[in-house]
Protein backbone atom coordinates (compact mmCIF):
# COMPACT_ATOMS: atom_id res chain seq x y z
CA MET A 1 37.22 -45.61 42.30
CA LYS A 2 33.29 -45.11 42.31
CA ILE A 3 33.22 -41.49 42.81
CA GLU A 4 35.15 -40.81 39.97
CA ASN A 5 33.69 -43.27 37.80
CA LYS A 6 30.12 -41.34 38.18
CA LYS A 7 32.04 -38.29 37.25
CA ALA A 8 33.33 -39.76 34.31
CA ILE A 9 29.35 -40.64 33.30
CA LEU A 10 28.22 -37.67 34.71
CA SER A 11 30.57 -35.89 32.22
CA MET A 12 29.79 -37.84 29.28
CA ILE A 13 25.93 -37.16 29.74
CA SER A 14 26.48 -34.13 29.48
CA ILE A 15 28.63 -34.04 26.62
CA VAL A 16 25.45 -35.49 24.90
CA LEU A 17 22.91 -33.14 26.07
CA VAL A 18 24.84 -30.85 24.75
CA ILE A 19 25.43 -32.63 21.40
CA SER A 20 22.09 -33.26 21.13
CA LEU A 21 20.74 -29.84 21.61
CA ALA A 22 23.41 -28.21 19.34
CA VAL A 23 22.95 -30.30 16.10
CA PRO A 24 18.87 -29.67 15.85
CA LEU A 25 19.73 -26.17 16.05
CA SER A 26 22.47 -25.80 13.37
CA LEU A 27 20.18 -28.02 10.92
CA LEU A 28 17.13 -25.26 11.53
CA THR A 29 20.07 -22.49 11.22
CA ALA A 30 21.02 -24.56 7.65
CA SER A 31 17.68 -24.60 6.29
CA ALA A 32 16.49 -20.81 7.04
CA GLN A 33 16.05 -19.92 3.10
CA VAL A 34 16.27 -15.69 3.60
CA ASN A 35 15.79 -14.04 0.42
CA ASN A 36 17.04 -10.29 -0.20
CA TYR A 37 15.43 -7.92 -3.20
CA THR A 38 15.65 -4.40 -3.81
CA SER A 39 12.37 -2.52 -3.82
CA TYR A 40 11.10 -0.37 -6.15
CA VAL A 41 8.45 2.55 -5.49
CA TYR A 42 7.05 4.26 -7.72
CA VAL A 43 4.07 7.97 -7.21
CA SER A 44 1.94 9.53 -9.94
CA VAL A 45 -0.84 12.34 -9.59
CA ASN A 46 -4.05 12.45 -11.11
CA ASN A 47 -3.96 16.75 -12.34
CA GLN A 48 -0.31 17.99 -13.41
CA VAL A 49 -2.06 21.44 -12.42
CA VAL A 50 -4.71 22.06 -10.22
CA GLY A 51 -5.76 25.01 -8.57
CA LEU A 52 -5.53 26.82 -5.18
CA ASP A 53 -8.27 25.18 -2.87
CA GLN A 54 -8.46 22.24 -5.19
CA GLU A 55 -8.09 18.27 -4.60
CA LEU A 56 -5.27 16.75 -5.54
CA THR A 57 -4.83 12.61 -5.52
CA ILE A 58 -1.64 10.72 -5.23
CA ILE A 59 -0.90 7.63 -6.16
CA THR A 60 1.78 5.19 -5.28
CA TRP A 61 3.11 1.80 -6.28
CA THR A 62 5.36 -0.79 -5.68
CA ALA A 63 7.14 -3.56 -8.78
CA ASP A 64 6.81 -6.27 -6.16
CA VAL A 65 3.07 -7.13 -4.62
CA PRO A 66 3.87 -7.93 -1.00
CA ILE A 67 3.85 -11.87 -0.15
CA GLN A 68 1.72 -12.81 2.41
CA GLY A 69 2.86 -13.39 6.15
CA ALA A 70 2.94 -16.30 8.20
CA GLY A 71 -0.73 -16.58 9.55
CA GLN A 72 -2.04 -13.79 7.69
CA THR A 73 -5.10 -13.78 4.82
CA GLN A 74 -4.51 -12.78 1.47
CA GLY A 75 -6.22 -9.42 2.24
CA GLU A 76 -3.95 -8.39 5.09
CA ARG A 77 -0.72 -8.41 3.31
CA GLY A 78 0.38 -4.85 2.67
CA TRP A 79 3.48 -2.81 2.70
CA LYS A 80 3.17 -0.32 5.95
CA ASN A 81 3.60 3.23 6.99
CA MET A 82 4.78 4.03 2.94
CA GLU A 83 5.26 8.06 2.76
CA ILE A 84 4.07 10.60 0.56
CA ILE A 85 6.69 13.44 0.18
CA ILE A 86 5.56 16.48 -1.00
CA THR A 87 7.99 19.78 -1.45
CA ASP A 88 6.26 23.22 -1.64
CA PRO A 89 7.58 26.31 -4.12
CA ASP A 90 9.92 27.25 -1.22
CA GLY A 91 11.39 24.06 -0.26
CA VAL A 92 9.29 23.16 2.39
CA ASN A 93 8.13 18.90 3.37
CA THR A 94 4.62 17.64 4.24
CA THR A 95 5.32 14.22 4.90
CA LEU A 96 1.66 11.96 4.44
CA THR A 97 1.52 8.59 5.71
CA ILE A 98 -0.19 5.59 3.97
CA ASP A 99 -0.62 3.13 7.26
CA LYS A 100 -1.14 0.65 5.08
CA SER A 101 -1.09 -0.60 1.49
CA ASP A 102 -3.76 -2.25 -0.70
CA PRO A 103 -2.83 -6.00 -0.69
CA ILE A 104 -1.13 -5.66 -4.39
CA GLY A 105 1.23 -2.81 -2.87
CA SER A 106 -0.45 0.12 -3.78
CA GLY A 107 -2.18 2.99 -1.89
CA TYR A 108 -3.09 6.88 -2.06
CA VAL A 109 -3.24 10.19 -0.24
CA THR A 110 -4.59 13.64 -0.91
CA PHE A 111 -3.70 16.86 -1.02
CA LYS A 112 -5.15 20.02 -1.34
CA PRO A 113 -2.94 23.39 -1.68
CA THR A 114 -3.87 25.94 0.50
CA GLU A 115 -1.72 29.27 -0.05
CA LYS A 116 1.24 29.04 -2.63
CA VAL A 117 1.29 28.79 -6.44
CA GLY A 118 3.68 27.56 -8.30
CA THR A 119 5.57 24.41 -9.13
CA TYR A 120 5.78 21.45 -6.49
CA LEU A 121 7.82 17.91 -6.65
CA VAL A 122 6.58 14.80 -4.59
CA ARG A 123 8.14 11.38 -3.98
CA ALA A 124 7.20 8.26 -2.24
CA TYR A 125 9.12 6.19 0.14
CA LEU A 126 9.00 2.60 1.02
CA PRO A 127 10.54 2.01 4.30
CA ALA A 128 12.34 -2.00 4.58
CA HIS A 129 10.39 -4.81 5.05
CA SER A 130 11.76 -7.84 6.57
CA ILE A 131 8.44 -10.59 6.25
CA ASN A 132 7.93 -14.18 7.43
CA ALA A 133 6.48 -16.49 5.00
CA SER A 134 6.62 -19.34 7.72
CA SER A 135 8.96 -20.08 10.33
CA THR A 136 11.92 -21.47 8.27
CA ALA A 137 11.26 -18.47 5.45
CA GLN A 138 11.97 -14.54 5.54
CA SER A 139 11.97 -12.00 2.87
CA ASN A 140 13.57 -8.78 2.68
CA TYR A 141 12.60 -5.89 1.14
CA SER A 142 15.17 -2.84 1.05
CA GLU A 143 13.94 0.63 1.73
CA ALA A 144 13.62 3.00 -1.60
CA TYR A 145 12.35 6.41 -3.24
CA SER A 146 10.09 6.84 -6.13
CA PRO A 147 11.33 9.09 -9.04
CA ILE A 148 10.46 13.09 -8.68
CA LEU A 149 7.25 14.20 -9.73
CA SER A 150 6.02 17.38 -10.05
CA PHE A 151 3.10 19.20 -10.80
CA GLU A 152 1.88 22.38 -10.79
CA VAL A 153 -0.75 24.88 -8.61
CA GLN A 154 -2.05 27.92 -9.79
CA ALA A 155 -4.45 30.59 -8.57
CA GLU A 156 -7.06 30.31 -10.42
CA PRO A 157 -9.35 26.80 -10.32
CA VAL A 158 -9.26 24.20 -12.55
CA PRO A 159 -12.34 23.21 -14.20
CA THR A 160 -13.72 19.43 -13.57
CA ARG A 161 -15.82 16.91 -15.16
CA SER A 162 -19.36 18.26 -14.87
CA ASP A 163 -22.17 15.77 -15.08
CA ALA A 164 -25.88 15.98 -16.67
CA PRO A 165 -27.57 17.44 -13.55
CA VAL A 166 -30.77 14.57 -12.49
CA PRO A 167 -34.19 15.69 -13.92
CA PRO A 168 -36.54 16.91 -11.26
CA ALA A 169 -39.87 15.64 -12.43
CA TYR A 170 -40.33 12.77 -15.39
CA TRP A 171 -37.78 11.29 -17.09
CA THR A 172 -37.71 8.45 -19.49
CA ARG A 173 -34.89 6.21 -20.48
CA PRO A 174 -32.50 5.34 -22.08
CA LEU A 175 -29.74 6.82 -19.96
CA ALA A 176 -26.34 7.33 -21.40
CA SER A 177 -23.31 5.59 -19.31
CA ASN A 178 -21.77 8.84 -18.60
CA MET A 179 -25.05 10.43 -17.07
CA HIS A 180 -23.33 9.55 -13.11
CA LEU A 181 -25.60 11.41 -11.27
CA TYR A 182 -28.69 9.28 -12.45
CA HIS A 183 -27.99 6.34 -10.33
CA ILE A 184 -29.80 7.98 -7.42
CA LEU A 185 -32.32 7.25 -9.26
CA ALA A 186 -31.47 4.09 -11.30
CA GLY A 187 -29.22 2.56 -9.33
CA ASN A 188 -26.30 0.69 -11.11
CA TRP A 189 -28.29 0.88 -14.67
CA ILE A 190 -25.05 -0.55 -17.01
CA GLY A 191 -24.94 -3.63 -14.93
CA GLY A 192 -21.87 -5.73 -15.30
CA ALA A 193 -20.53 -7.14 -12.51
CA ALA A 194 -19.72 -3.68 -10.58
CA ASN A 195 -22.77 -3.56 -9.01
CA GLN A 196 -21.35 -0.27 -7.07
CA TRP A 197 -24.44 1.46 -7.06
CA PRO A 198 -27.79 1.23 -4.87
CA GLN A 199 -30.73 -0.34 -5.58
CA GLY A 200 -32.80 2.98 -7.52
CA SER A 201 -36.43 3.62 -7.36
CA ALA A 202 -36.52 2.47 -11.31
CA ASN A 203 -35.27 -1.16 -10.78
CA GLU A 204 -38.02 -1.93 -8.07
């Protein structure tokens, strides 16, 4: 009889342990928040017409700003492995990868056509992302392709903006704001918050 009682007690303990483990897991599952989003991605080029061997800048961005994942800083958030797919006039694809977007979901690549003239097509691709904002919150973003954009490549180079040359000798103020090369001499002469130019000799 004692042995049977011990078996019954052990069985009851086992049942209680199983229930005590199962309840917290069920509560965690029930409280976990999963949000599913449809992604939208876009693409643009800085020139609709370029010449052979001229560099083109291709920009991509998303409708949603990447959320901040658990353990990330604001500056570390971003989409990973975005792609720019370029189709040349013969239908051959070139894929350029942006390893990580900036924190607001945009990025860019440069492309230089070297051989073929004609109409090129370009589109952006965003792979699916799952981001855990915390241990109980997950956001899923679907993959997305941008609308297709076209640009032309011609044999002759397209004229580019020319800056006023830096004077080889004496110069005087004032300096016009469109004289970009003058930062070599005058530093950030426009002033303001965008203090991006190195300190020039005129500011010493």
